[in-house]
Amino acid sequence: MDSSLINSPVKHWCEFEFISKTVKNPNIHIKGNYSYYSAYWDQGFERCVVRYLHDKPSLPEKPIDQLHIGNFVCFGAECVIMMGGNQLHRPDWISTFPFDTRSFLPAGDTVIADGCWIGSRAMIMQGVKLGEGAVVATGAVVTQDVPPYAVVGGVPAKIIKYRFSESDIEKLLSIKLYDFDEKQILRMRETLQTDDVETLLKHLRKD
């Protein structure tokens, strides 16, 4: 994927948008240029994926849960990120109906780290943190934090497996791959499209 492709929408075998180019909500923080929403046929990432997140700035007296998205994150069609902390209902009250703003309780920021892949129609619940390289299966409902490089699926989502061995995951996290300049990451694309962690490390030592 060349930097010249950073437009929205892009002509491709499927439609997708680079969300750094389309998102305007000040409470959505996007790292880098390459996270994208794939095969969208709705009204786009900010309107349809991110649910119930106010587009007014967060103030100390009226905090708004924040959404943090890393770089090189892939969002599948019709996935949902529930920022419900700003619209929560109170099951501990007699009526769950939100008569006034007292029912709006912060749930904490939602974090989707670098290199994650969110499958189509998956749902990320409020206040969840996905670690680097995590994969969420199609249709999963994620209610708890997901460790780096874990694959989760189901309702509620549970860990199915890890993408790499524990030692390889430690190595990947230690190099802070996604903190490198985007151009450098793109130059490593051939190595990144393998499962050979050692070759990646050797490549980085040369640089």
Protein backbone atom coordinates (compact mmCIF):
# COMPACT_ATOMS: atom_id res chain seq x y z
CA MET A 1 0.00 0.00 0.00
CA ASP A 2 1.71 3.15 -1.20
CA SER A 3 1.42 6.50 0.53
CA SER A 4 -0.05 7.86 -2.70
CA LEU A 5 -3.13 5.74 -1.97
CA ILE A 6 -4.05 7.75 1.11
CA ASN A 7 -7.34 9.08 -0.21
CA SER A 8 -10.96 8.36 0.64
CA PRO A 9 -12.58 6.51 -0.92
CA VAL A 10 -9.87 4.62 -2.82
CA LYS A 11 -10.48 2.64 -6.00
CA HIS A 12 -9.79 -0.94 -5.02
CA TRP A 13 -11.36 -4.38 -5.27
CA CYS A 14 -13.36 -3.32 -2.24
CA GLU A 15 -14.20 0.13 -0.99
CA PHE A 16 -12.40 1.39 2.09
CA GLU A 17 -11.53 4.62 3.84
CA PHE A 18 -8.39 5.69 5.61
CA ILE A 19 -9.99 6.94 8.81
CA SER A 20 -7.32 9.55 9.54
CA LYS A 21 -8.66 11.37 6.46
CA THR A 22 -12.35 11.14 7.29
CA VAL A 23 -12.77 11.30 11.08
CA LYS A 24 -13.48 14.75 12.55
CA ASN A 25 -14.69 13.91 16.08
CA PRO A 26 -12.23 15.48 18.58
CA ASN A 27 -12.75 12.54 20.96
CA ILE A 28 -11.37 10.04 18.44
CA HIS A 29 -7.57 10.00 18.41
CA ILE A 30 -5.90 8.24 15.48
CA LYS A 31 -2.20 7.47 15.29
CA GLY A 32 -0.69 7.61 11.80
CA ASN A 33 -2.25 7.38 8.36
CA TYR A 34 -2.85 3.72 7.61
CA SER A 35 -5.74 2.50 9.78
CA TYR A 36 -8.73 1.81 7.55
CA TYR A 37 -12.38 0.79 7.46
CA SER A 38 -12.89 -1.89 4.84
CA ALA A 39 -15.71 -2.62 2.40
CA TYR A 40 -17.98 0.04 3.81
CA TRP A 41 -21.38 0.46 2.14
CA ASP A 42 -22.90 2.46 4.97
CA GLN A 43 -22.26 6.06 5.98
CA GLY A 44 -18.66 5.41 6.96
CA PHE A 45 -16.52 4.80 10.02
CA GLU A 46 -17.32 7.80 12.18
CA ARG A 47 -21.07 7.70 11.56
CA CYS A 48 -21.72 3.97 11.75
CA VAL A 49 -18.85 2.17 13.49
CA VAL A 50 -18.31 4.51 16.45
CA ARG A 51 -21.59 4.53 18.33
CA TYR A 52 -22.85 7.23 20.69
CA LEU A 53 -19.63 9.21 21.03
CA HIS A 54 -20.32 12.92 21.43
CA ASP A 55 -18.52 15.18 18.97
CA LYS A 56 -18.07 18.03 21.42
CA PRO A 57 -14.73 18.49 23.21
CA SER A 58 -14.26 16.78 26.56
CA LEU A 59 -14.16 19.18 29.52
CA PRO A 60 -12.82 18.53 33.05
CA GLU A 61 -16.26 19.13 34.53
CA LYS A 62 -17.96 16.99 31.88
CA PRO A 63 -15.49 14.29 30.77
CA ILE A 64 -16.25 12.27 27.67
CA ASP A 65 -14.82 8.80 27.13
CA GLN A 66 -12.10 8.91 24.47
CA LEU A 67 -11.38 6.48 21.63
CA HIS A 68 -7.70 5.84 20.82
CA ILE A 69 -6.81 3.99 17.62
CA GLY A 70 -3.31 2.93 16.67
CA ASN A 71 -1.74 2.73 13.22
CA PHE A 72 -2.20 -0.07 10.66
CA VAL A 73 -5.50 -1.14 12.24
CA CYS A 74 -7.98 -2.96 9.98
CA PHE A 75 -11.71 -2.53 10.66
CA GLY A 76 -14.04 -4.98 8.91
CA ALA A 77 -17.39 -4.00 7.45
CA GLU A 78 -20.18 -3.19 9.89
CA CYS A 79 -18.09 -3.65 13.03
CA VAL A 80 -19.14 -1.51 15.99
CA ILE A 81 -17.24 0.30 18.72
CA MET A 82 -19.69 0.99 21.55
CA MET A 83 -18.70 4.21 23.29
CA GLY A 84 -21.68 3.70 25.56
CA GLY A 85 -20.15 5.33 28.62
CA ASN A 86 -21.68 8.55 27.38
CA GLN A 87 -25.10 6.94 26.97
CA LEU A 88 -25.21 4.18 29.58
CA HIS A 89 -28.41 3.05 31.22
CA ARG A 90 -28.50 2.37 34.97
CA PRO A 91 -29.51 -1.24 35.72
CA ASP A 92 -29.08 -0.49 39.43
CA TRP A 93 -31.99 1.95 39.34
CA ILE A 94 -35.69 1.02 39.28
CA SER A 95 -36.04 2.35 35.75
CA THR A 96 -33.30 1.98 33.17
CA PHE A 97 -34.76 4.88 31.16
CA PRO A 98 -32.29 7.82 30.97
CA PHE A 99 -34.53 10.60 32.27
CA ASP A 100 -31.56 12.96 32.66
CA THR A 101 -27.77 13.10 32.36
CA ARG A 102 -27.21 11.40 35.74
CA SER A 103 -27.48 8.10 33.87
CA PHE A 104 -24.49 9.00 31.72
CA LEU A 105 -21.54 7.45 33.55
CA PRO A 106 -18.01 7.30 32.11
CA ALA A 107 -16.87 3.79 31.22
CA GLY A 108 -13.25 4.72 30.57
CA ASP A 109 -11.37 5.22 27.34
CA THR A 110 -11.43 2.56 24.63
CA VAL A 111 -8.03 1.70 23.15
CA ILE A 112 -7.39 -0.24 19.94
CA ALA A 113 -3.62 -0.60 19.67
CA ASP A 114 -1.43 -0.72 16.57
CA GLY A 115 -1.82 -3.57 14.12
CA CYS A 116 -5.17 -4.89 15.34
CA TRP A 117 -7.69 -6.52 13.01
CA ILE A 118 -11.40 -6.20 13.87
CA GLY A 119 -13.57 -8.65 11.92
CA SER A 120 -16.84 -7.81 10.18
CA ARG A 121 -19.78 -7.22 12.51
CA ALA A 122 -17.63 -7.61 15.62
CA MET A 123 -18.53 -5.38 18.54
CA ILE A 124 -16.09 -3.73 20.95
CA MET A 125 -17.80 -2.74 24.18
CA GLN A 126 -17.11 0.44 26.12
CA GLY A 127 -13.83 0.87 27.98
CA VAL A 128 -12.14 -2.17 26.37
CA LYS A 129 -8.45 -2.15 25.49
CA LEU A 130 -7.10 -4.28 22.64
CA GLY A 131 -3.37 -4.97 22.76
CA GLU A 132 -1.00 -4.62 19.82
CA GLY A 133 -1.70 -7.05 17.00
CA ALA A 134 -4.89 -8.46 18.53
CA VAL A 135 -7.43 -10.10 16.20
CA VAL A 136 -11.18 -10.04 16.85
CA ALA A 137 -13.15 -12.69 14.97
CA THR A 138 -16.20 -11.91 12.86
CA GLY A 139 -19.30 -11.40 14.99
CA ALA A 140 -17.44 -11.46 18.31
CA VAL A 141 -18.56 -9.28 21.21
CA VAL A 142 -15.53 -8.09 23.17
CA THR A 143 -16.36 -7.21 26.78
CA GLN A 144 -12.89 -7.47 28.35
CA ASP A 145 -9.35 -6.35 27.52
CA VAL A 146 -7.51 -8.45 24.93
CA PRO A 147 -3.77 -9.21 25.32
CA PRO A 148 -1.31 -8.35 22.52
CA TYR A 149 -1.32 -10.76 19.56
CA ALA A 150 -4.27 -12.75 20.92
CA VAL A 151 -7.10 -14.00 18.69
CA VAL A 152 -10.53 -13.76 20.33
CA GLY A 153 -13.96 -14.88 19.22
CA GLY A 154 -17.44 -15.67 20.46
CA VAL A 155 -20.10 -13.99 22.59
CA PRO A 156 -18.71 -12.89 24.93
CA ALA A 157 -15.32 -13.08 23.24
CA LYS A 158 -12.70 -15.41 24.69
CA ILE A 159 -9.11 -16.11 23.73
CA ILE A 160 -8.94 -18.77 21.01
CA LYS A 161 -5.18 -18.72 20.56
CA TYR A 162 -2.15 -16.47 20.33
CA ARG A 163 -0.72 -15.57 16.95
CA PHE A 164 2.87 -16.29 18.01
CA SER A 165 4.76 -17.99 20.81
CA GLU A 166 5.11 -16.14 24.10
CA SER A 167 8.81 -15.45 23.42
CA ASP A 168 8.10 -14.11 19.93
CA ILE A 169 5.35 -11.85 21.29
CA GLU A 170 7.78 -10.45 23.85
CA LYS A 171 10.27 -9.76 21.06
CA LEU A 172 7.64 -8.05 18.90
CA LEU A 173 6.52 -5.85 21.76
CA SER A 174 10.09 -4.96 22.70
CA ILE A 175 10.98 -3.56 19.28
CA LYS A 176 7.99 -1.17 19.28
CA LEU A 177 7.47 -1.84 15.60
CA TYR A 178 4.66 0.64 15.10
CA ASP A 179 6.64 3.51 16.56
CA PHE A 180 8.93 3.40 13.53
CA ASP A 181 8.43 5.91 10.75
CA GLU A 182 5.65 4.80 8.41
CA LYS A 183 7.99 4.82 5.42
CA GLN A 184 10.34 2.48 7.23
CA ILE A 185 7.47 0.14 8.06
CA LEU A 186 6.39 0.12 4.42
CA ARG A 187 9.94 -0.73 3.35
CA MET A 188 9.73 -3.80 5.59
CA ARG A 189 6.46 -5.01 4.09
CA GLU A 190 7.97 -8.17 2.56
CA THR A 191 9.33 -9.26 5.92
CA LEU A 192 6.12 -8.26 7.69
CA GLN A 193 4.17 -10.53 5.37
CA THR A 194 5.76 -13.64 6.86
CA ASP A 195 5.70 -15.35 10.27
CA ASP A 196 9.48 -15.10 10.63
CA VAL A 197 10.06 -12.89 13.67
CA GLU A 198 13.81 -13.57 13.73
CA THR A 199 14.24 -12.29 10.17
CA LEU A 200 12.39 -9.12 11.13
CA LEU A 201 14.73 -8.61 14.08
CA LYS A 202 17.78 -9.12 11.83
CA HIS A 203 16.34 -6.62 9.37
CA LEU A 204 15.98 -4.05 12.14
CA ARG A 205 19.51 -4.61 13.40
CA LYS A 206 20.84 -3.77 9.93
CA ASP A 207 18.93 -0.51 9.98
